[in-house]
N, C-alpha and C. Protein backbone atom coordinates (compact mmCIF):
# COMPACT_ATOMS: atom_id res chain seq x y z
N MET A 1 1.22 -0.95 -0.12
CA MET A 1 -0.24 0.19 -0.50
C MET A 1 0.94 1.05 0.11
N ASN A 2 0.31 1.96 -0.71
CA ASN A 2 0.95 3.55 -0.27
C ASN A 2 0.46 4.89 0.59
N GLY A 3 1.59 5.41 0.81
CA GLY A 3 1.12 6.60 1.38
C GLY A 3 -0.10 7.11 1.76
N ARG A 4 -0.62 7.17 0.17
CA ARG A 4 -2.41 7.90 -0.19
C ARG A 4 -3.15 6.62 0.87
N THR A 5 -3.30 5.34 0.12
CA THR A 5 -4.08 4.40 0.99
C THR A 5 -4.48 4.02 2.04
N ASN A 6 -2.53 4.35 2.89
CA ASN A 6 -3.00 4.24 3.95
C ASN A 6 -3.59 5.73 4.99
N LYS A 7 -3.51 6.89 4.38
CA LYS A 7 -4.03 7.33 5.22
C LYS A 7 -5.55 7.44 4.80
N ARG A 8 -6.36 7.30 3.20
CA ARG A 8 -7.56 6.83 3.63
C ARG A 8 -8.59 5.54 4.33
N ALA A 9 -7.52 5.07 4.69
CA ALA A 9 -7.69 3.56 5.11
C ALA A 9 -7.99 4.23 6.42
N LYS A 10 -6.77 4.24 7.18
CA LYS A 10 -7.20 5.33 8.55
C LYS A 10 -8.30 6.45 8.79
N ALA A 11 -8.21 6.63 7.79
CA ALA A 11 -9.51 8.19 8.46
C ALA A 11 -10.42 7.49 7.48
N CYS A 12 -11.01 6.74 6.78
CA CYS A 12 -11.97 5.95 7.43
C CYS A 12 -12.24 5.14 8.74
N ASP A 13 -11.54 4.66 8.75
CA ASP A 13 -11.56 3.34 9.48
C ASP A 13 -12.18 3.50 11.23
N ILE A 14 -12.94 3.13 11.82
CA ILE A 14 -13.70 3.26 13.48
C ILE A 14 -13.08 3.02 14.04
N SER A 15 -12.87 4.11 14.29
CA SER A 15 -11.27 3.51 16.20
C SER A 15 -12.68 3.20 17.24
N HIS A 16 -12.02 1.97 18.30
CA HIS A 16 -12.29 1.84 19.38
C HIS A 16 -13.48 3.14 20.26
N GLY A 17 -12.46 3.89 20.00
CA GLY A 17 -12.83 4.82 20.50
C GLY A 17 -13.99 5.64 19.65
N ILE A 18 -13.86 5.43 18.40
CA ILE A 18 -15.32 6.36 17.97
C ILE A 18 -16.51 4.78 18.45
N ARG A 19 -15.77 4.33 18.22
CA ARG A 19 -17.09 2.97 18.53
C ARG A 19 -17.71 3.30 20.13
N SER A 20 -16.78 3.40 21.14
CA SER A 20 -17.18 3.33 22.41
C SER A 20 -18.60 4.72 22.40
N GLU A 21 -17.73 5.71 21.46
CA GLU A 21 -18.79 7.38 21.88
C GLU A 21 -20.05 6.71 21.13
N VAL A 22 -20.08 5.92 19.92
CA VAL A 22 -21.42 6.10 19.11
C VAL A 22 -22.41 5.26 19.58
N PHE A 23 -21.56 4.47 20.35
CA PHE A 23 -21.88 3.39 20.97
C PHE A 23 -23.56 3.80 22.20
N ASP A 24 -22.15 4.81 23.21
CA ASP A 24 -22.74 5.66 24.31
C ASP A 24 -23.87 6.75 23.51
N ARG A 25 -23.45 7.87 22.72
CA ARG A 25 -24.12 8.13 22.04
C ARG A 25 -25.39 8.16 21.71
N ASP A 26 -25.60 6.99 21.04
CA ASP A 26 -27.04 6.00 20.32
C ASP A 26 -27.98 5.14 21.21
N ASN A 27 -26.86 5.29 22.68
CA ASN A 27 -28.04 4.56 23.68
C ASN A 27 -27.96 3.04 23.57
N GLY A 28 -27.05 2.59 23.00
CA GLY A 28 -26.51 1.28 22.58
C GLY A 28 -28.32 0.82 21.54
N THR A 29 -28.76 1.19 20.74
CA THR A 29 -29.85 0.82 20.51
C THR A 29 -29.74 1.15 18.55
N CYS A 30 -30.53 0.65 17.85
CA CYS A 30 -29.82 0.46 16.09
C CYS A 30 -31.02 2.02 16.31
N ILE A 31 -30.48 2.81 15.48
CA ILE A 31 -31.23 3.90 15.13
C ILE A 31 -32.31 4.08 14.77
N ILE A 32 -32.35 2.94 13.67
CA ILE A 32 -33.55 3.15 12.92
C ILE A 32 -34.91 3.26 13.52
N GLY A 33 -35.08 2.37 14.12
CA GLY A 33 -36.10 2.33 15.10
C GLY A 33 -36.09 3.42 15.92
N ALA A 34 -35.31 3.74 16.36
CA ALA A 34 -34.74 4.86 17.62
C ALA A 34 -36.02 6.27 17.48
N MET A 35 -35.96 6.58 15.86
CA MET A 35 -36.10 7.22 15.12
C MET A 35 -37.94 7.02 14.65
N LEU A 36 -38.21 5.88 14.97
CA LEU A 36 -39.54 5.93 14.42
C LEU A 36 -40.87 5.85 15.76
N GLU A 37 -41.30 6.65 15.47
CA GLU A 37 -43.49 6.41 16.54
C GLU A 37 -42.92 4.94 17.48
N SER A 38 -43.27 3.74 16.88
CA SER A 38 -42.89 2.34 16.56
C SER A 38 -42.08 1.67 17.93
N GLY A 39 -40.35 2.92 18.18
CA GLY A 39 -39.22 2.17 18.16
C GLY A 39 -39.23 0.97 18.17
N LYS A 40 -38.93 0.53 16.77
CA LYS A 40 -38.65 -0.98 16.29
C LYS A 40 -38.20 -0.36 14.85
N CYS A 41 -37.36 -1.51 14.43
CA CYS A 41 -37.29 -1.40 13.13
C CYS A 41 -38.62 -1.58 12.41
N PRO A 42 -38.58 -0.88 10.95
CA PRO A 42 -39.81 -1.48 10.61
C PRO A 42 -39.60 -2.97 9.93
N GLU A 43 -40.72 -3.70 9.86
CA GLU A 43 -41.07 -5.21 10.03
C GLU A 43 -39.79 -5.43 8.64
N THR A 44 -40.02 -4.56 7.49
CA THR A 44 -39.58 -5.63 6.26
C THR A 44 -38.28 -5.32 6.49
N PHE A 45 -36.93 -4.16 7.49
CA PHE A 45 -35.41 -4.49 8.37
C PHE A 45 -35.56 -5.16 8.62
N ASP A 46 -36.37 -6.25 9.80
CA ASP A 46 -36.53 -6.50 10.89
C ASP A 46 -37.19 -7.67 10.91
N ALA A 47 -36.98 -8.68 10.49
CA ALA A 47 -37.63 -9.83 10.77
C ALA A 47 -37.06 -10.32 11.51
N PHE A 48 -35.99 -10.52 12.24
CA PHE A 48 -35.80 -11.97 13.69
C PHE A 48 -36.07 -10.84 14.91
N ALA A 49 -35.78 -11.00 15.97
CA ALA A 49 -36.04 -10.57 17.24
C ALA A 49 -34.59 -10.67 17.59
N TYR A 50 -34.32 -11.05 17.26
CA TYR A 50 -32.29 -10.86 17.96
C TYR A 50 -31.58 -10.17 17.63
N SER A 51 -32.33 -9.37 16.04
CA SER A 51 -30.72 -8.22 15.41
C SER A 51 -30.73 -7.36 16.43
N HIS A 52 -31.32 -6.88 17.01
CA HIS A 52 -31.56 -5.68 18.70
C HIS A 52 -30.25 -5.49 18.95
N THR A 53 -29.70 -7.17 19.44
CA THR A 53 -28.93 -7.55 20.45
C THR A 53 -27.17 -7.84 19.43
N CYS A 54 -27.23 -7.45 18.04
CA CYS A 54 -26.66 -7.19 17.35
C CYS A 54 -26.04 -6.04 17.02
N LEU A 55 -25.90 -5.05 17.47
CA LEU A 55 -24.97 -3.39 16.58
C LEU A 55 -24.27 -3.67 16.44
N ASP A 56 -23.76 -2.67 15.07
CA ASP A 56 -22.72 -2.37 14.65
C ASP A 56 -22.95 -1.05 13.92
N PRO A 57 -21.71 -0.14 14.76
CA PRO A 57 -21.42 0.48 13.80
C PRO A 57 -21.55 0.76 12.64
N ALA A 58 -22.35 1.86 11.56
CA ALA A 58 -22.77 1.93 10.13
C ALA A 58 -21.37 3.23 9.90
N HIS A 59 -21.44 3.08 9.15
CA HIS A 59 -21.11 4.51 7.91
C HIS A 59 -22.30 5.10 7.40
N PHE A 60 -22.68 5.83 7.34
CA PHE A 60 -23.39 6.93 6.26
C PHE A 60 -23.18 6.79 5.26
N ILE A 61 -22.04 7.59 5.01
CA ILE A 61 -21.48 8.00 3.80
C ILE A 61 -20.25 6.73 3.76
N SER A 62 -20.25 5.85 3.11
CA SER A 62 -20.14 4.14 3.12
C SER A 62 -18.19 4.34 3.14
N ARG A 63 -17.83 3.56 3.12
CA ARG A 63 -16.02 3.42 3.40
C ARG A 63 -15.87 3.49 1.96
N ALA A 64 -16.23 2.45 0.99
CA ALA A 64 -15.93 2.29 -0.38
C ALA A 64 -16.59 3.95 -0.87
N ASN A 65 -17.12 4.52 -0.12
CA ASN A 65 -17.63 5.70 -1.40
C ASN A 65 -16.55 7.39 -0.40
N GLY A 66 -15.00 6.63 0.70
CA GLY A 66 -14.52 7.93 1.49
C GLY A 66 -15.04 7.94 2.38
N GLY A 67 -15.96 7.50 2.91
CA GLY A 67 -16.57 8.09 4.72
C GLY A 67 -15.59 7.80 5.30
N LEU A 68 -15.87 8.87 6.29
CA LEU A 68 -14.97 9.21 7.37
C LEU A 68 -15.26 7.70 8.46
N GLY A 69 -13.95 8.14 9.52
CA GLY A 69 -15.02 7.39 10.55
C GLY A 69 -14.60 8.02 11.90
N ILE A 70 -16.29 9.19 11.57
CA ILE A 70 -15.96 10.22 12.71
C ILE A 70 -17.35 10.36 13.44
N PRO A 71 -17.70 11.07 14.70
CA PRO A 71 -19.42 10.67 14.95
C PRO A 71 -20.18 11.00 14.28
N GLN A 72 -20.11 12.70 13.47
CA GLN A 72 -21.03 12.44 12.51
C GLN A 72 -20.89 11.93 11.12
N ASN A 73 -21.05 10.66 10.98
CA ASN A 73 -20.66 9.95 9.93
C ASN A 73 -20.98 8.52 10.39
N ILE A 74 -20.82 8.27 11.39
CA ILE A 74 -21.20 6.95 12.09
C ILE A 74 -22.93 6.95 13.23
N GLY A 75 -23.41 5.31 12.72
CA GLY A 75 -24.66 5.74 13.66
C GLY A 75 -24.71 4.27 13.63
N LEU A 76 -25.10 3.76 14.88
CA LEU A 76 -25.53 2.66 15.50
C LEU A 76 -26.86 1.63 14.89
N LEU A 77 -26.72 1.18 14.32
CA LEU A 77 -27.79 0.06 13.76
C LEU A 77 -27.75 -1.47 13.89
N CYS A 78 -29.03 -2.09 14.03
CA CYS A 78 -28.77 -3.30 14.36
C CYS A 78 -27.98 -4.32 13.06
N ARG A 79 -27.85 -5.41 13.23
CA ARG A 79 -27.12 -6.04 12.15
C ARG A 79 -28.26 -6.02 11.21
N ARG A 80 -29.53 -6.42 11.19
CA ARG A 80 -30.43 -6.55 10.57
C ARG A 80 -30.38 -4.78 9.50
N CYS A 81 -31.00 -3.63 10.00
CA CYS A 81 -30.66 -2.52 9.14
C CYS A 81 -29.39 -2.62 8.60
N HIS A 82 -28.14 -2.88 9.31
CA HIS A 82 -27.47 -2.60 8.58
C HIS A 82 -26.73 -3.16 6.90
N THR A 83 -27.27 -4.09 7.12
CA THR A 83 -27.73 -5.68 5.71
C THR A 83 -28.35 -4.80 5.00
N THR A 84 -29.28 -4.37 5.28
CA THR A 84 -30.05 -3.60 4.26
C THR A 84 -29.99 -2.42 3.36
N TYR A 85 -29.58 -1.56 4.66
CA TYR A 85 -28.66 -0.59 4.18
C TYR A 85 -27.82 -0.35 2.81
N ASP A 86 -26.62 -1.89 3.06
CA ASP A 86 -25.99 -2.04 2.86
C ASP A 86 -25.91 -2.85 1.18
N ASN A 87 -26.85 -3.54 1.76
CA ASN A 87 -26.98 -4.60 0.15
C ASN A 87 -28.66 -4.58 -0.18
N GLY A 88 -30.00 -3.54 0.19
CA GLY A 88 -31.01 -3.70 0.59
C GLY A 88 -31.41 -2.71 -1.01
N THR A 89 -33.00 -2.95 -1.95
CA THR A 89 -33.30 -2.29 -2.26
C THR A 89 -32.86 -1.07 -2.74
N ILE A 90 -33.29 -0.35 -3.42
CA ILE A 90 -32.89 0.90 -4.07
C ILE A 90 -33.66 1.92 -2.51
N GLU A 91 -35.12 1.29 -3.11
CA GLU A 91 -36.63 1.80 -1.93
C GLU A 91 -34.99 2.04 -0.54
N GLN A 92 -34.88 0.97 0.14
CA GLN A 92 -34.95 0.60 1.14
C GLN A 92 -33.73 1.25 1.49
N LYS A 93 -32.19 0.79 0.94
CA LYS A 93 -31.39 2.14 1.33
C LYS A 93 -31.75 3.40 1.40
N ARG A 94 -32.93 4.31 1.09
CA ARG A 94 -33.49 5.60 0.63
C ARG A 94 -33.96 5.57 2.14
N GLU A 95 -34.52 4.75 2.20
CA GLU A 95 -35.82 4.73 3.81
C GLU A 95 -34.65 4.70 4.48
N ILE A 96 -33.73 3.49 5.28
CA ILE A 96 -32.92 3.79 6.35
C ILE A 96 -32.59 5.07 5.91
N GLY A 97 -31.86 5.56 4.85
CA GLY A 97 -30.89 6.98 4.52
C GLY A 97 -31.55 8.26 5.68
N GLU A 98 -32.82 8.25 4.76
CA GLU A 98 -33.52 9.29 4.88
C GLU A 98 -33.07 9.21 6.86
N ILE A 99 -33.53 7.96 7.01
CA ILE A 99 -33.40 8.51 8.49
C ILE A 99 -32.51 8.18 9.57
N PHE A 100 -31.36 7.69 8.71
CA PHE A 100 -29.78 7.72 9.11
C PHE A 100 -29.95 9.00 9.58
N ALA A 101 -29.61 9.98 7.92
CA ALA A 101 -29.39 11.93 8.06
C ALA A 101 -30.23 12.43 8.76
N ALA A 102 -31.78 12.35 9.42
CA ALA A 102 -32.78 12.68 10.69
C ALA A 102 -31.64 12.66 11.56
N HIS A 103 -31.13 11.49 11.17
CA HIS A 103 -30.51 10.97 12.80
C HIS A 103 -29.57 12.04 13.68
N LEU A 104 -28.69 11.69 12.62
CA LEU A 104 -27.28 12.82 12.55
C LEU A 104 -27.67 14.14 12.14
N LYS A 105 -27.91 14.56 11.65
CA LYS A 105 -28.76 15.82 11.81
C LYS A 105 -29.23 16.25 13.28
N SER A 106 -29.84 16.05 13.62
CA SER A 106 -30.54 15.90 15.50
C SER A 106 -29.50 16.17 15.82
N LEU A 107 -28.55 15.10 16.06
CA LEU A 107 -27.35 15.72 16.74
C LEU A 107 -25.97 16.68 17.13
N TYR A 108 -25.71 16.96 14.99
CA TYR A 108 -25.44 17.91 14.67
C TYR A 108 -25.74 19.02 13.75
N PRO A 109 -26.22 19.76 14.46
CA PRO A 109 -26.84 21.22 13.50
C PRO A 109 -26.29 21.84 12.60
N GLU A 110 -25.07 21.67 12.27
CA GLU A 110 -23.87 22.75 11.04
C GLU A 110 -23.92 20.87 10.57
N TRP A 111 -24.59 19.32 10.74
CA TRP A 111 -24.26 19.29 9.78
C TRP A 111 -24.29 18.60 8.39
N ASP A 112 -22.91 18.68 7.68
CA ASP A 112 -23.45 18.57 5.83
C ASP A 112 -22.50 17.05 5.60
N LYS A 113 -23.64 16.31 4.34
CA LYS A 113 -22.58 15.32 4.13
C LYS A 113 -21.92 15.39 3.25
N LEU A 114 -21.54 16.19 2.49
CA LEU A 114 -19.59 16.48 1.65
C LEU A 114 -18.47 16.76 3.03
N GLN A 115 -19.00 16.63 4.17
CA GLN A 115 -17.70 17.16 4.90
C GLN A 115 -17.58 15.62 5.57
N LEU A 116 -17.91 14.53 5.68
CA LEU A 116 -18.23 13.13 5.65
C LEU A 116 -16.81 12.86 4.82
N ILE A 117 -16.89 12.77 3.96
CA ILE A 117 -15.94 12.82 2.45
C ILE A 117 -14.51 12.37 2.66
N TYR A 118 -13.95 11.72 2.68
CA TYR A 118 -12.41 12.14 2.95
C TYR A 118 -11.30 12.45 1.33
N ARG A 119 -10.41 13.30 2.02
CA ARG A 119 -10.18 14.25 0.87
C ARG A 119 -8.59 13.99 0.65
N LYS A 120 -7.95 14.59 -0.74
CA LYS A 120 -6.82 14.10 -0.08
C LYS A 120 -5.98 16.03 1.04
């Protein structure tokens, strides 16, 4: 790997400190369910009860697209919502993305998704 690749990989990685901060910030709960009135992920995203016990810090802007590993770009998702956000239908990704963005905007008033991307 060259120096540029290493810098990008490091900038996009979610450190243990950021993981811990995001877990505390998001109250150890999938943000998709927490942002909905029902308090649960939609059935189309969360068919299995165990999924809320399997939580992952997820990038709003993906690592593949240069998404930084900073709290403003990271949210806690259950395994099911994370998988659906990464691999679901366009409609599912859009719906989760809108909820994800609303969550981050509620925490960071100056939130701007253009500031979440690695730049040389």
